[in-house]
C-alpha cells in the first residue's frame, strides 16, 4: 500500500490552489492550512450508515483494534476509533495472491448488498523503489496478477482504483523513461480486463493537485493508460489535499479527458495538508484528521464518490516514529479519529 505522495511547493501550485479555493468559496489555500474538509464539501450527515452504498470490512485493523481496546478496558479510545472501524475503506489486493482477500471482501459485500471498494497496486517498478517499493517482478507476472484480481471480483458490484501513483510517476520523471511504454500498455490492458466484469467501475489514479500542478500534463499519459475505456480517475489517494482543490483540479482534468468523472480520497484530509509545504509533509504528518465519510452523494455531478482509499491509521512509511509503509499504527489512527469533526 502506498506510503508516500509528493508535495510540491512550486509557485504555480500555490497560485492554482488559491484560485481553485477562491472559486469554490473555500476558506484558505492548502499551503496555509486549509479549512477542514467537512466544511468544504456538502457530504450528507448520514454517509456512515444507511447513506453509504459501500461495504464495511469487519476484519479491518481498526475493527480488530477496537476489540482489543474494549477487552483491555480502553472503552473511551475504542469508541473514538469506531469513527474509522465503522466506515467503508478500500481493500488493497495482496501482491502475492489477491484471490482470497478479494473473495472475502466480495462475499461480505454481496451478503450486505453493498459495493466493494478495491485498490489494485502491484505495477512493476512500483513507487520508484521508495517506501512502497515492490510490485510484480515483470509484465507477465502483472498480467497474471490483475487477471486473478478481476476473476475474483466476478459479477459483484465493485469500484477499483487502479494503480495509485503509476501515471503521475511517469509524468514527474520518477519512473524511468524506458519503463513508460510497458507501464502504459499494462495499465491499458488492466482497464480492459477489469471492465470485462459487468459491474466493475474502474478509476485510473491521477495523483493530486499538489503533485502535478498542471492537470493537462496528465491527459496524454491517461489516454495511453486507457482512460477512454475506464469510468474515470481518482485523486488525492493517500494525500491530504482539501476537497475544494480536488474538485477544481478534477474538473479541469475532466475537460481534458472528454468529461470523465472522478473519485476523491477523503480519508485523511479533514485538516488539509501540513501547513508550510515542507518536503516531508506527505509522510505521517502530525495533526491531521479524518475527512468526509465515504459516500456517493457528493453534490457535484463530476464527483462520483468520496472514498477512503487510503486506510486511515496505516503508516506512510518509517518516518516520524511510524512503522513500515502500510503497517497499522494505532496511535496515529486514534489521533486522526480524535480530530474528526463528527
Protein backbone atom coordinates (compact mmCIF):
# COMPACT_ATOMS: atom_id res chain seq x y z
CA UNK A 1 0.00 0.00 0.00
CA UNK A 2 1.38 3.45 -0.86
CA UNK A 3 3.14 5.24 1.93
CA UNK A 4 4.05 8.45 0.18
CA UNK A 5 2.82 11.14 -2.18
CA UNK A 6 4.86 14.05 -3.33
CA UNK A 7 4.11 17.57 -2.08
CA UNK A 8 5.24 20.31 -4.44
CA UNK A 9 5.91 23.86 -3.31
CA UNK A 10 6.12 25.49 -6.71
CA UNK A 11 4.69 28.96 -7.04
CA UNK A 12 2.43 27.72 -9.81
CA UNK A 13 0.86 25.22 -7.44
CA UNK A 14 0.15 27.83 -4.81
CA UNK A 15 -1.45 30.07 -7.39
CA UNK A 16 -3.57 27.21 -8.73
CA UNK A 17 -4.84 26.15 -5.34
CA UNK A 18 -5.56 29.71 -4.23
CA UNK A 19 -7.56 30.31 -7.39
CA UNK A 20 -9.37 26.97 -7.02
CA UNK A 21 -10.34 27.56 -3.44
CA UNK A 22 -11.46 31.09 -4.14
CA UNK A 23 -13.63 29.87 -6.97
CA UNK A 24 -15.30 27.32 -4.76
CA UNK A 25 -15.77 29.63 -1.78
CA UNK A 26 -13.33 27.74 0.41
CA UNK A 27 -11.62 29.44 3.32
CA UNK A 28 -7.89 29.11 2.72
CA UNK A 29 -5.32 27.57 0.39
CA UNK A 30 -3.69 24.20 1.03
CA UNK A 31 -0.35 25.84 1.67
CA UNK A 32 -1.61 27.95 4.55
CA UNK A 33 -3.62 25.39 6.48
CA UNK A 34 -6.85 24.54 4.70
CA UNK A 35 -10.18 24.56 6.46
CA UNK A 36 -11.41 21.11 7.50
CA UNK A 37 -12.75 19.14 4.58
CA UNK A 38 -16.11 18.69 6.30
CA UNK A 39 -16.74 22.41 5.89
CA UNK A 40 -15.61 22.36 2.27
CA UNK A 41 -17.84 19.66 0.83
CA UNK A 42 -21.54 19.16 1.22
CA UNK A 43 -21.44 15.49 2.15
CA UNK A 44 -24.59 14.26 3.89
CA UNK A 45 -24.57 13.50 7.58
CA UNK A 46 -25.92 10.01 7.02
CA UNK A 47 -22.97 8.85 4.90
CA UNK A 48 -21.72 6.48 7.58
CA UNK A 49 -24.53 4.01 7.68
CA UNK A 50 -27.66 3.79 5.54
CA UNK A 51 -26.39 6.61 3.31
CA UNK A 52 -23.28 4.77 2.12
CA UNK A 53 -23.52 2.04 -0.51
CA UNK A 54 -20.06 0.66 0.32
CA UNK A 55 -19.03 -2.42 2.27
CA UNK A 56 -17.51 -2.10 5.74
CA UNK A 57 -14.76 -4.63 6.46
CA UNK A 58 -15.42 -6.27 9.85
CA UNK A 59 -11.84 -7.60 9.87
CA UNK A 60 -10.02 -4.32 9.30
CA UNK A 61 -7.10 -3.39 11.54
CA UNK A 62 -9.26 -0.67 13.05
CA UNK A 63 -12.05 -3.13 13.85
CA UNK A 64 -9.61 -5.52 15.48
CA UNK A 65 -8.06 -2.67 17.46
CA UNK A 66 -11.49 -1.69 18.78
CA UNK A 67 -12.00 -5.25 20.02
CA UNK A 68 -8.57 -5.30 21.66
CA UNK A 69 -9.05 -2.00 23.44
CA UNK A 70 -12.51 -2.98 24.64
CA UNK A 71 -11.06 -6.18 26.07
CA UNK A 72 -8.41 -4.10 27.83
CA UNK A 73 -10.97 -1.69 29.25
CA UNK A 74 -9.93 1.19 26.99
CA UNK A 75 -13.56 1.83 26.13
CA UNK A 76 -13.23 5.54 25.52
CA UNK A 77 -10.42 5.08 22.98
CA UNK A 78 -12.29 2.18 21.40
CA UNK A 79 -15.36 4.34 20.94
CA UNK A 80 -13.33 7.08 19.25
CA UNK A 81 -11.65 4.57 16.95
CA UNK A 82 -15.06 3.38 15.76
CA UNK A 83 -15.05 6.54 13.64
CA UNK A 84 -12.66 4.56 11.46
CA UNK A 85 -13.70 0.98 12.10
CA UNK A 86 -17.36 1.59 11.22
CA UNK A 87 -16.57 3.18 7.85
CA UNK A 88 -16.05 1.52 4.45
CA UNK A 89 -12.45 1.57 3.26
CA UNK A 90 -10.71 0.24 0.18
CA UNK A 91 -9.23 -3.22 0.38
CA UNK A 92 -5.81 -3.38 -1.28
CA UNK A 93 -5.31 -6.64 -3.12
CA UNK A 94 -2.25 -8.51 -1.78
CA UNK A 95 0.69 -8.60 -4.14
CA UNK A 96 1.28 -12.34 -3.94
CA UNK A 97 -2.19 -13.81 -4.43
CA UNK A 98 -5.09 -11.32 -4.38
CA UNK A 99 -7.72 -14.03 -4.66
CA UNK A 100 -8.50 -14.99 -1.05
CA UNK A 101 -8.82 -11.45 0.28
CA UNK A 102 -10.86 -10.24 -2.67
CA UNK A 103 -13.17 -13.23 -2.39
CA UNK A 104 -13.66 -12.50 1.30
CA UNK A 105 -14.50 -8.88 0.54
CA UNK A 106 -16.80 -9.74 -2.35
CA UNK A 107 -18.68 -12.32 -0.31
CA UNK A 108 -19.09 -9.86 2.56
CA UNK A 109 -20.26 -7.11 0.26
CA UNK A 110 -22.69 -9.39 -1.52
CA UNK A 111 -24.20 -10.53 1.77
CA UNK A 112 -24.57 -6.93 2.89
CA UNK A 113 -25.87 -5.82 -0.52
CA UNK A 114 -23.12 -3.25 -0.77
CA UNK A 115 -20.43 -2.29 -3.27
CA UNK A 116 -16.88 -3.37 -2.51
CA UNK A 117 -14.10 -0.79 -2.94
CA UNK A 118 -10.73 -2.19 -4.02
CA UNK A 119 -7.30 -0.84 -4.92
CA UNK A 120 -5.02 -2.60 -7.39
CA UNK A 121 -1.42 -1.71 -6.52
CA UNK A 122 1.13 -4.10 -7.96
CA UNK A 123 2.56 -2.46 -11.08
CA UNK A 124 6.20 -3.36 -11.85
CA UNK A 125 8.76 -0.81 -10.55
CA UNK A 126 6.16 0.42 -8.06
CA UNK A 127 6.90 3.65 -6.20
CA UNK A 128 10.28 4.01 -7.93
CA UNK A 129 11.92 1.86 -5.28
CA UNK A 130 10.94 4.13 -2.40
CA UNK A 131 8.87 3.47 0.76
CA UNK A 132 6.29 1.33 -1.07
CA UNK A 133 8.71 -0.34 -3.46
CA UNK A 134 7.77 -3.70 -4.88
CA UNK A 135 5.11 -4.75 -7.32
CA UNK A 136 5.04 -7.58 -9.82
CA UNK A 137 8.51 -8.67 -10.98
CA UNK A 138 7.66 -8.32 -14.67
CA UNK A 139 4.87 -7.73 -17.18
CA UNK A 140 3.91 -11.39 -17.42
CA UNK A 141 3.51 -11.66 -13.67
CA UNK A 142 1.44 -8.48 -13.58
CA UNK A 143 -0.93 -9.72 -16.25
CA UNK A 144 -1.46 -12.89 -14.26
CA UNK A 145 -1.99 -10.91 -11.05
CA UNK A 146 -4.52 -8.46 -12.49
CA UNK A 147 -6.31 -11.38 -14.12
CA UNK A 148 -6.69 -13.09 -10.75
CA UNK A 149 -7.77 -9.78 -9.24
CA UNK A 150 -10.53 -9.38 -11.82
CA UNK A 151 -11.56 -13.05 -11.79
CA UNK A 152 -12.23 -12.96 -8.07
CA UNK A 153 -14.45 -9.88 -8.36
CA UNK A 154 -16.65 -11.63 -10.88
CA UNK A 155 -20.07 -10.06 -11.28
CA UNK A 156 -20.07 -8.36 -7.86
CA UNK A 157 -20.60 -4.62 -7.64
CA UNK A 158 -17.12 -3.16 -7.28
CA UNK A 159 -15.08 0.00 -7.59
CA UNK A 160 -11.40 -0.48 -8.44
CA UNK A 161 -8.87 2.30 -8.02
CA UNK A 162 -6.21 1.26 -10.49
CA UNK A 163 -2.54 1.62 -9.56
CA UNK A 164 -2.11 4.69 -7.37
CA UNK A 165 0.98 6.70 -8.42
CA UNK A 166 1.57 4.79 -11.65
CA UNK A 167 0.62 7.54 -14.13
CA UNK A 168 1.85 10.56 -12.11
CA UNK A 169 5.22 8.86 -11.62
CA UNK A 170 5.63 8.77 -15.39
CA UNK A 171 4.80 12.46 -15.57
CA UNK A 172 7.15 13.63 -12.81
CA UNK A 173 10.06 11.56 -14.11
CA UNK A 174 10.34 9.26 -11.11
CA UNK A 175 9.65 6.18 -13.23
CA UNK A 176 12.43 5.68 -15.76
CA UNK A 177 11.55 6.60 -19.33
CA UNK A 178 12.36 3.14 -20.68
CA UNK A 179 9.57 1.72 -18.50
CA UNK A 180 6.86 4.12 -19.68
CA UNK A 181 5.69 2.23 -22.75
CA UNK A 182 5.33 -1.06 -20.90
CA UNK A 183 3.59 0.58 -17.95
CA UNK A 184 1.07 2.36 -20.18
CA UNK A 185 0.34 -0.88 -22.01
CA UNK A 186 -0.12 -2.81 -18.75
CA UNK A 187 -2.48 -0.19 -17.36
CA UNK A 188 -4.50 -0.13 -20.57
CA UNK A 189 -4.77 -3.91 -20.54
CA UNK A 190 -5.77 -3.84 -16.87
CA UNK A 191 -8.60 -1.42 -17.63
CA UNK A 192 -9.89 -3.73 -20.35
CA UNK A 193 -9.61 -6.82 -18.17
CA UNK A 194 -11.42 -5.24 -15.23
CA UNK A 195 -14.14 -3.77 -17.45
CA UNK A 196 -14.99 -7.24 -18.72
CA UNK A 197 -16.67 -7.59 -15.32
CA UNK A 198 -20.12 -6.15 -15.93
CA UNK A 199 -20.47 -4.48 -12.52
CA UNK A 200 -16.92 -3.20 -12.00
CA UNK A 201 -16.13 0.52 -12.22
CA UNK A 202 -12.50 1.45 -12.83
CA UNK A 203 -10.77 4.70 -11.88
CA UNK A 204 -7.20 5.30 -13.06
CA UNK A 205 -5.17 7.18 -10.49
CA UNK A 206 -4.20 10.75 -11.36
CA UNK A 207 -2.31 11.89 -8.28
CA UNK A 208 -3.30 15.13 -6.58
CA UNK A 209 -3.19 18.88 -7.32
CA UNK A 210 -0.08 19.40 -5.19
CA UNK A 211 1.89 16.75 -7.09
CA UNK A 212 1.34 17.60 -10.77
CA UNK A 213 0.22 21.26 -10.62
CA UNK A 214 -0.79 21.39 -14.29
CA UNK A 215 -3.50 18.74 -14.81
CA UNK A 216 -3.08 18.95 -18.59
CA UNK A 217 0.26 17.16 -18.24
CA UNK A 218 -1.68 14.07 -17.20
CA UNK A 219 -4.06 13.99 -20.15
CA UNK A 220 -1.94 12.20 -22.74
CA UNK A 221 -0.50 9.67 -20.27
CA UNK A 222 -4.00 8.89 -19.02
CA UNK A 223 -5.23 8.24 -22.54
CA UNK A 224 -2.26 5.95 -23.17
CA UNK A 225 -3.23 4.13 -19.97
CA UNK A 226 -6.81 3.56 -21.12
CA UNK A 227 -8.81 6.39 -19.53
CA UNK A 228 -11.17 6.40 -22.52
CA UNK A 229 -12.40 2.93 -21.51
CA UNK A 230 -12.26 3.48 -17.76
CA UNK A 231 -15.07 5.05 -15.75
CA UNK A 232 -12.85 7.92 -14.67
CA UNK A 233 -9.87 8.81 -12.49
CA UNK A 234 -9.04 9.02 -8.78
CA UNK A 235 -7.49 11.94 -6.91
CA UNK A 236 -5.75 12.51 -3.57
CA UNK A 237 -5.04 8.85 -2.81
CA UNK A 238 -3.09 8.72 0.47
CA UNK A 239 -2.79 12.51 0.46
CA UNK A 240 -4.22 15.42 2.39
CA UNK A 241 -5.35 17.98 -0.20
CA UNK A 242 -8.63 19.80 0.53
CA UNK A 243 -11.78 18.67 -1.23
CA UNK A 244 -12.29 22.06 -2.87
CA UNK A 245 -8.86 21.91 -4.51
CA UNK A 246 -9.54 18.34 -5.62
CA UNK A 247 -12.87 19.25 -7.17
CA UNK A 248 -11.41 22.19 -9.08
CA UNK A 249 -8.43 20.18 -10.26
CA UNK A 250 -10.64 17.26 -11.20
CA UNK A 251 -12.98 19.49 -13.18
CA UNK A 252 -10.04 20.79 -15.21
CA UNK A 253 -8.73 17.28 -15.82
CA UNK A 254 -12.23 16.11 -16.72
CA UNK A 255 -12.34 18.65 -19.54
CA UNK A 256 -9.07 17.25 -20.89
CA UNK A 257 -10.37 13.68 -20.74
CA UNK A 258 -13.66 14.24 -22.56
CA UNK A 259 -15.80 14.65 -19.47
CA UNK A 260 -14.58 11.73 -17.35
CA UNK A 261 -15.85 11.66 -13.78
CA UNK A 262 -13.65 11.12 -10.73
CA UNK A 263 -13.49 10.00 -7.11
CA UNK A 264 -11.62 11.72 -4.28
CA UNK A 265 -9.85 10.10 -1.34
CA UNK A 266 -11.04 11.95 1.77
CA UNK A 267 -9.66 9.50 4.33
CA UNK A 268 -7.21 11.90 6.00
CA UNK A 269 -7.80 15.37 4.59
CA UNK A 270 -10.03 16.77 7.33
CA UNK A 271 -7.39 19.38 8.22
CA UNK A 272 -5.82 19.65 4.79
CA UNK A 273 -2.06 19.19 4.26
CA UNK A 274 0.56 20.07 6.84
CA UNK A 275 1.00 23.88 6.64
CA UNK A 276 4.16 25.23 5.12
CA UNK A 277 4.55 22.81 2.21
CA UNK A 278 7.57 21.14 3.73
CA UNK A 279 9.28 18.37 1.78
CA UNK A 280 8.28 15.70 4.29
CA UNK A 281 4.65 16.81 4.63
CA UNK A 282 3.42 13.66 2.88
CA UNK A 283 4.83 11.17 5.39
CA UNK A 284 2.77 10.67 8.57
CA UNK A 285 2.20 14.41 9.09
CA UNK A 286 1.04 15.28 12.61
CA UNK A 287 -2.24 16.97 13.43
CA UNK A 288 -4.24 15.54 10.52
CA UNK A 289 -7.86 14.39 10.74
CA UNK A 290 -10.38 12.15 9.05
CA UNK A 291 -12.19 13.78 6.15
CA UNK A 292 -15.66 13.43 4.67
CA UNK A 293 -17.05 9.98 5.24
CA UNK A 294 -17.41 7.69 2.22
CA UNK A 295 -20.49 8.46 0.17
CA UNK A 296 -21.74 8.65 -3.38
CA UNK A 297 -23.84 11.71 -2.51
CA UNK A 298 -21.30 14.37 -3.35
CA UNK A 299 -23.41 17.24 -4.63
CA UNK A 300 -21.07 17.54 -7.63
CA UNK A 301 -22.08 15.95 -10.94
CA UNK A 302 -18.44 15.14 -11.80
CA UNK A 303 -17.54 13.59 -8.44
CA UNK A 304 -18.87 10.04 -8.35
CA UNK A 305 -17.82 9.44 -4.75
CA UNK A 306 -15.81 10.49 -1.75
CA UNK A 307 -13.95 7.35 -0.69
CA UNK A 308 -11.49 6.27 1.98
CA UNK A 309 -8.95 4.70 -0.36
CA UNK A 310 -6.00 5.01 1.99
CA UNK A 311 -6.98 3.09 5.11
CA UNK A 312 -6.69 5.63 7.96
CA UNK A 313 -4.16 4.54 10.53
CA UNK A 314 -1.86 2.69 8.14
CA UNK A 315 1.60 4.25 8.08
CA UNK A 316 3.03 6.18 5.13
CA UNK A 317 6.49 4.84 5.92
CA UNK A 318 9.21 4.80 8.60
CA UNK A 319 9.12 8.49 9.38
CA UNK A 320 8.07 10.42 12.50
CA UNK A 321 8.25 7.21 14.50
CA UNK A 322 5.96 5.25 12.22
CA UNK A 323 6.24 1.62 11.12
CA UNK A 324 6.87 0.49 7.55
CA UNK A 325 4.55 1.71 4.81
CA UNK A 326 1.13 0.11 5.03
CA UNK A 327 1.56 -1.17 8.58
CA UNK A 328 -1.12 -0.43 11.15
CA UNK A 329 -0.26 2.38 13.60
CA UNK A 330 -2.96 2.60 16.29
CA UNK A 331 -1.70 5.82 17.91
CA UNK A 332 -1.78 7.67 14.59
CA UNK A 333 -5.21 6.24 13.83
CA UNK A 334 -6.52 7.41 17.18
CA UNK A 335 -5.24 10.92 16.52
CA UNK A 336 -6.97 11.05 13.13
CA UNK A 337 -10.21 9.92 14.75
CA UNK A 338 -9.98 12.30 17.72
CA UNK A 339 -9.59 15.30 15.43
CA UNK A 340 -12.52 14.32 13.19
CA UNK A 341 -15.39 16.79 13.25
CA UNK A 342 -18.12 14.18 13.68
